[in-house]
C-alpha atoms as a PDB file:
ATOM      1  CA  MET A   1     128.609  44.894  85.569  1.00  0.00           C
ATOM      2  CA  SER A   2     124.984  45.478  84.615  1.00  0.00           C
ATOM      3  CA  GLN A   3     122.121  43.041  84.474  1.00  0.00           C
ATOM      4  CA  THR A   4     119.040  43.417  82.274  1.00  0.00           C
ATOM      5  CA  LEU A   5     115.829  42.886  84.184  1.00  0.00           C
ATOM      6  CA  ALA A   6     113.221  40.926  82.264  1.00  0.00           C
ATOM      7  CA  PRO A   7     110.290  43.277  81.600  1.00  0.00           C
ATOM      8  CA  THR A   8     107.091  41.994  80.066  1.00  0.00           C
ATOM      9  CA  ARG A   9     107.335  44.819  77.525  1.00  0.00           C
ATOM     10  CA  LEU A  10     109.596  47.714  76.611  1.00  0.00           C
ATOM     11  CA  ILE A  11     109.003  50.877  78.639  1.00  0.00           C
ATOM     12  CA  THR A  12     109.390  54.523  77.722  1.00  0.00           C
ATOM     13  CA  ALA A  13     111.519  57.177  79.413  1.00  0.00           C
ATOM     14  CA  ALA A  14     108.336  58.704  80.873  1.00  0.00           C
ATOM     15  CA  GLU A  15     107.340  55.349  82.377  1.00  0.00           C
ATOM     16  CA  PHE A  16     110.866  54.804  83.684  1.00  0.00           C
ATOM     17  CA  LEU A  17     110.772  58.183  85.442  1.00  0.00           C
ATOM     18  CA  VAL A  18     107.740  57.249  87.550  1.00  0.00           C
ATOM     19  CA  ALA A  19     108.208  53.474  87.819  1.00  0.00           C
ATOM     20  CA  LYS A  20     108.068  51.988  91.297  1.00  0.00           C
ATOM     21  CA  ASP A  21     110.059  49.045  92.637  1.00  0.00           C
ATOM     22  CA  LEU A  22     113.079  49.557  90.383  1.00  0.00           C
ATOM     23  CA  PRO A  23     116.558  48.699  91.612  1.00  0.00           C
ATOM     24  CA  GLU A  24     118.322  51.521  93.427  1.00  0.00           C
ATOM     25  CA  SER A  25     120.895  51.865  90.662  1.00  0.00           C
ATOM     26  CA  CYS A  26     119.659  51.308  87.115  1.00  0.00           C
ATOM     27  CA  GLU A  27     119.445  52.742  83.611  1.00  0.00           C
ATOM     28  CA  LEU A  28     116.948  52.298  80.811  1.00  0.00           C
ATOM     29  CA  ILE A  29     118.656  50.867  77.733  1.00  0.00           C
ATOM     30  CA  ASP A  30     116.599  50.343  74.592  1.00  0.00           C
ATOM     31  CA  GLY A  31     113.411  50.205  76.632  1.00  0.00           C
ATOM     32  CA  LYS A  32     114.747  47.665  79.144  1.00  0.00           C
ATOM     33  CA  VAL A  33     115.717  48.329  82.751  1.00  0.00           C
ATOM     34  CA  ASN A  34     119.354  47.461  83.395  1.00  0.00           C
ATOM     35  CA  GLU A  35     120.475  47.076  86.968  1.00  0.00           C
ATOM     36  CA  MET A  36     123.878  48.579  87.669  1.00  0.00           C
ATOM     37  CA  ASN A  37     126.334  47.810  90.444  1.00  0.00           C
ATOM     38  CA  ARG A  38     126.030  50.124  93.401  1.00  0.00           C
ATOM     39  CA  PRO A  39     128.896  52.593  93.491  1.00  0.00           C
ATOM     40  CA  SER A  40     131.476  52.213  96.251  1.00  0.00           C
ATOM     41  CA  ARG A  41     132.095  54.846  98.910  1.00  0.00           C
ATOM     42  CA  THR A  42     135.291  55.955  97.184  1.00  0.00           C
ATOM     43  CA  HIS A  43     133.337  56.369  93.924  1.00  0.00           C
ATOM     44  CA  GLY A  44     130.780  58.507  95.778  1.00  0.00           C
ATOM     45  CA  LYS A  45     133.509  60.554  97.428  1.00  0.00           C
ATOM     46  CA  LEU A  46     135.165  61.245  94.077  1.00  0.00           C
ATOM     47  CA  CYS A  47     131.842  62.209  92.452  1.00  0.00           C
ATOM     48  CA  ASN A  48     131.123  64.524  95.387  1.00  0.00           C
ATOM     49  CA  ARG A  49     134.551  66.131  95.045  1.00  0.00           C
ATOM     50  CA  ILE A  50     134.099  66.789  91.319  1.00  0.00           C
ATOM     51  CA  ALA A  51     130.540  68.072  91.796  1.00  0.00           C
ATOM     52  CA  THR A  52     131.702  70.410  94.577  1.00  0.00           C
ATOM     53  CA  ILE A  53     134.444  71.881  92.364  1.00  0.00           C
ATOM     54  CA  LEU A  54     131.986  72.356  89.475  1.00  0.00           C
ATOM     55  CA  THR A  55     129.223  73.780  91.676  1.00  0.00           C
ATOM     56  CA  ARG A  56     131.572  76.236  93.356  1.00  0.00           C
ATOM     57  CA  HIS A  57     132.741  77.468  89.941  1.00  0.00           C
ATOM     58  CA  SER A  58     129.205  77.583  88.508  1.00  0.00           C
ATOM     59  CA  ASP A  59     127.887  79.512  91.520  1.00  0.00           C
ATOM     60  CA  THR A  60     130.780  81.973  91.473  1.00  0.00           C
ATOM     61  CA  HIS A  61     130.315  82.702  87.765  1.00  0.00           C
ATOM     62  CA  GLN A  62     126.513  82.258  87.681  1.00  0.00           C
ATOM     63  CA  CYS A  63     126.906  80.162  84.539  1.00  0.00           C
ATOM     64  CA  GLY A  64     124.959  76.936  85.065  1.00  0.00           C
ATOM     65  CA  GLU A  65     123.706  74.030  87.151  1.00  0.00           C
ATOM     66  CA  VAL A  66     125.388  70.798  88.204  1.00  0.00           C
ATOM     67  CA  VAL A  67     123.392  67.587  88.669  1.00  0.00           C
ATOM     68  CA  ILE A  68     124.641  64.375  90.263  1.00  0.00           C
ATOM     69  CA  ASN A  69     123.523  60.987  91.501  1.00  0.00           C
ATOM     70  CA  ASP A  70     122.885  59.340  88.148  1.00  0.00           C
ATOM     71  CA  ALA A  71     120.393  62.059  87.157  1.00  0.00           C
ATOM     72  CA  GLY A  72     118.782  60.750  83.967  1.00  0.00           C
ATOM     73  CA  ILE A  73     119.713  61.912  80.488  1.00  0.00           C
ATOM     74  CA  GLN A  74     117.706  60.529  77.576  1.00  0.00           C
ATOM     75  CA  THR A  75     120.164  59.534  74.866  1.00  0.00           C
ATOM     76  CA  LYS A  76     117.876  57.622  72.479  1.00  0.00           C
ATOM     77  CA  GLY A  77     114.213  57.266  71.674  1.00  0.00           C
ATOM     78  CA  ASP A  78     111.931  54.534  70.337  1.00  0.00           C
ATOM     79  CA  PRO A  79     112.978  52.438  72.151  1.00  0.00           C
ATOM     80  CA  ASP A  80     114.121  54.871  74.819  1.00  0.00           C
ATOM     81  CA  THR A  81     117.478  54.923  76.555  1.00  0.00           C
ATOM     82  CA  VAL A  82     118.047  56.933  79.744  1.00  0.00           C
ATOM     83  CA  ARG A  83     121.598  57.019  81.055  1.00  0.00           C
ATOM     84  CA  GLY A  84     122.565  58.025  84.566  1.00  0.00           C
ATOM     85  CA  ALA A  85     125.490  60.433  84.466  1.00  0.00           C
ATOM     86  CA  ASP A  86     127.650  60.578  87.563  1.00  0.00           C
ATOM     87  CA  ILE A  87     127.856  64.368  87.171  1.00  0.00           C
ATOM     88  CA  ALA A  88     126.463  66.649  84.461  1.00  0.00           C
ATOM     89  CA  TYR A  89     126.730  70.378  83.807  1.00  0.00           C
ATOM     90  CA  TYR A  90     123.965  72.399  82.120  1.00  0.00           C
ATOM     91  CA  SER A  91     124.738  76.018  81.258  1.00  0.00           C
ATOM     92  CA  TYR A  92     122.123  78.717  81.664  1.00  0.00           C
ATOM     93  CA  ASN A  93     122.375  79.114  77.877  1.00  0.00           C
ATOM     94  CA  ARG A  94     120.868  75.631  77.434  1.00  0.00           C
ATOM     95  CA  ILE A  95     118.537  75.641  80.420  1.00  0.00           C
ATOM     96  CA  PRO A  96     117.862  79.142  81.763  1.00  0.00           C
ATOM     97  CA  LYS A  97     118.220  79.561  85.520  1.00  0.00           C
ATOM     98  CA  GLY A  98     115.205  78.237  87.395  1.00  0.00           C
ATOM     99  CA  THR A  99     113.639  76.387  84.444  1.00  0.00           C
ATOM    100  CA  MET A 100     115.078  72.860  84.791  1.00  0.00           C
ATOM    101  CA  LYS A 101     112.263  70.316  84.543  1.00  0.00           C
ATOM    102  CA  ASP A 102     111.962  67.198  86.654  1.00  0.00           C
ATOM    103  CA  ASP A 103     111.968  64.844  83.679  1.00  0.00           C
ATOM    104  CA  TYR A 104     114.314  63.687  80.943  1.00  0.00           C
ATOM    105  CA  SER A 105     113.183  66.175  78.282  1.00  0.00           C
ATOM    106  CA  GLY A 106     115.034  69.226  77.109  1.00  0.00           C
ATOM    107  CA  PRO A 107     118.528  69.874  75.918  1.00  0.00           C
ATOM    108  CA  ALA A 108     121.509  67.730  76.762  1.00  0.00           C
ATOM    109  CA  PRO A 109     124.099  68.946  79.239  1.00  0.00           C
ATOM    110  CA  GLU A 110     127.259  70.492  77.819  1.00  0.00           C
ATOM    111  CA  VAL A 111     129.530  68.339  79.978  1.00  0.00           C
ATOM    112  CA  VAL A 112     129.205  64.879  81.526  1.00  0.00           C
ATOM    113  CA  PHE A 113     131.635  63.363  84.008  1.00  0.00           C
ATOM    114  CA  GLU A 114     131.791  59.598  84.390  1.00  0.00           C
ATOM    115  CA  VAL A 115     133.879  58.118  87.192  1.00  0.00           C
ATOM    116  CA  LEU A 116     135.154  54.643  86.427  1.00  0.00           C
ATOM    117  CA  SER A 117     134.373  51.904  88.911  1.00  0.00           C
ATOM    118  CA  LYS A 118     136.369  48.700  89.206  1.00  0.00           C
ATOM    119  CA  SER A 119     133.509  46.819  87.530  1.00  0.00           C
ATOM    120  CA  ASP A 120     133.202  49.188  84.535  1.00  0.00           C
ATOM    121  CA  LEU A 121     134.186  47.812  81.160  1.00  0.00           C
ATOM    122  CA  TRP A 122     135.695  50.215  78.611  1.00  0.00           C
ATOM    123  CA  SER A 123     133.532  48.725  75.861  1.00  0.00           C
ATOM    124  CA  ARG A 124     130.360  49.753  77.729  1.00  0.00           C
ATOM    125  CA  THR A 125     131.822  53.097  78.762  1.00  0.00           C
ATOM    126  CA  LEU A 126     132.668  53.919  75.136  1.00  0.00           C
ATOM    127  CA  VAL A 127     129.086  53.128  74.072  1.00  0.00           C
ATOM    128  CA  LYS A 128     127.795  55.502  76.743  1.00  0.00           C
ATOM    129  CA  ILE A 129     130.272  58.208  75.655  1.00  0.00           C
ATOM    130  CA  GLY A 130     129.093  57.810  72.048  1.00  0.00           C
ATOM    131  CA  GLU A 131     125.469  58.194  73.119  1.00  0.00           C
ATOM    132  CA  TYR A 132     126.232  61.370  75.068  1.00  0.00           C
ATOM    133  CA  LEU A 133     128.203  62.918  72.209  1.00  0.00           C
ATOM    134  CA  GLY A 134     125.416  61.886  69.821  1.00  0.00           C
ATOM    135  CA  ILE A 135     122.893  64.088  71.658  1.00  0.00           C
ATOM    136  CA  ASP A 136     125.104  67.202  71.634  1.00  0.00           C
ATOM    137  CA  VAL A 137     126.994  66.768  74.891  1.00  0.00           C
ATOM    138  CA  LEU A 138     130.117  68.772  74.081  1.00  0.00           C
ATOM    139  CA  VAL A 139     132.570  67.036  76.420  1.00  0.00           C
ATOM    140  CA  VAL A 140     132.586  63.720  78.265  1.00  0.00           C
ATOM    141  CA  CYS A 141     135.257  63.537  80.954  1.00  0.00           C
ATOM    142  CA  VAL A 142     136.048  60.024  82.163  1.00  0.00           C
ATOM    143  CA  VAL A 143     137.840  60.099  85.494  1.00  0.00           C
ATOM    144  CA  ASP A 144     139.898  57.024  86.314  1.00  0.00           C
ATOM    145  CA  PRO A 145     140.724  56.819  90.031  1.00  0.00           C
ATOM    146  CA  GLU A 146     143.122  53.906  89.588  1.00  0.00           C
ATOM    147  CA  GLN A 147     145.209  55.640  86.909  1.00  0.00           C
ATOM    148  CA  ARG A 148     144.538  59.091  88.425  1.00  0.00           C
ATOM    149  CA  THR A 149     143.703  60.501  85.008  1.00  0.00           C
ATOM    150  CA  ALA A 150     140.964  62.514  83.339  1.00  0.00           C
ATOM    151  CA  ARG A 151     140.216  61.560  79.730  1.00  0.00           C
ATOM    152  CA  LEU A 152     138.304  64.093  77.632  1.00  0.00           C
ATOM    153  CA  PHE A 153     136.188  63.048  74.667  1.00  0.00           C
ATOM    154  CA  ARG A 154     134.751  65.781  72.436  1.00  0.00           C
ATOM    155  CA  GLY A 155     132.223  65.675  69.623  1.00  0.00           C
ATOM    156  CA  ASP A 156     134.892  66.709  67.129  1.00  0.00           C
ATOM    157  CA  GLY A 157     136.592  63.348  67.702  1.00  0.00           C
ATOM    158  CA  THR A 158     139.390  64.544  69.947  1.00  0.00           C
ATOM    159  CA  ASP A 159     140.390  62.299  72.825  1.00  0.00           C
ATOM    160  CA  VAL A 160     142.944  63.609  75.321  1.00  0.00           C
ATOM    161  CA  THR A 161     144.161  61.944  78.509  1.00  0.00           C
ATOM    162  CA  LEU A 162     145.470  64.191  81.278  1.00  0.00           C
ATOM    163  CA  THR A 163     147.630  62.959  84.152  1.00  0.00           C
ATOM    164  CA  GLU A 164     147.315  64.214  87.703  1.00  0.00           C
ATOM    165  CA  ASP A 165     150.130  66.755  87.121  1.00  0.00           C
ATOM    166  CA  GLU A 166     148.221  68.431  84.269  1.00  0.00           C
ATOM    167  CA  VAL A 167     145.460  71.042  84.295  1.00  0.00           C
ATOM    168  CA  LEU A 168     141.940  70.128  83.245  1.00  0.00           C
ATOM    169  CA  GLU A 169     140.443  72.998  81.265  1.00  0.00           C
ATOM    170  CA  ILE A 170     136.852  72.813  80.066  1.00  0.00           C
ATOM    171  CA  PRO A 171     135.886  76.121  78.447  1.00  0.00           C
ATOM    172  CA  GLU A 172     132.511  74.559  77.627  1.00  0.00           C
ATOM    173  CA  ILE A 173     131.681  75.038  81.320  1.00  0.00           C
ATOM    174  CA  GLN A 174     133.009  78.566  81.450  1.00  0.00           C
ATOM    175  CA  PRO A 175     136.075  80.093  79.753  1.00  0.00           C
ATOM    176  CA  THR A 176     138.016  80.311  83.016  1.00  0.00           C
ATOM    177  CA  PHE A 177     137.219  76.801  84.299  1.00  0.00           C
ATOM    178  CA  GLN A 178     140.381  74.933  85.108  1.00  0.00           C
ATOM    179  CA  VAL A 179     141.503  72.622  87.856  1.00  0.00           C
ATOM    180  CA  LYS A 180     144.595  70.533  88.356  1.00  0.00           C
ATOM    181  CA  VAL A 181     143.664  66.890  87.785  1.00  0.00           C
ATOM    182  CA  SER A 182     145.200  65.929  91.139  1.00  0.00           C
ATOM    183  CA  GLU A 183     142.623  68.167  92.886  1.00  0.00           C
ATOM    184  CA  LEU A 184     139.864  65.849  91.631  1.00  0.00           C
ATOM    185  CA  PHE A 185     141.366  63.092  93.769  1.00  0.00           C
ATOM    186  CA  ALA A 186     142.126  65.177  96.892  1.00  0.00           C
END
């Protein structure tokens, strides 16, 4: 569950990037800082597992970069919104190797992974998914540890849920990227 902190005025993404004394886990939504619940250890473990699988594949194929830890992605402007993706993948086609900036500017990632926490509400998650798809994220993969599923949302409107016995294929990462859903939870 998130809580909006009462700012004296709306802030921009640039101000949010350098702001001091913000909660450890927060996002900027419509110019307002929203405190988020701290992820649990199991949430962190699952994010680490997914990021490791993606990084290993990206390094092997020299196709892109993986960012984690709620690395900011600006999804709206004026007033600004900066979302913290659990895991995001940027191909070298969108951000050439070695040129990623330490700000929220530039192209959107091709793929975002969000890992559901017990406190996440689907209504808020769907808003976030819509924002990502609205800035040209090609695939949003919502991983549900309780159901042990991976649900893929694409900009073309498709929405597919995969069970742990199925194979997750995301050619937007690289044509050969595939992993059994159960391996995400190993």
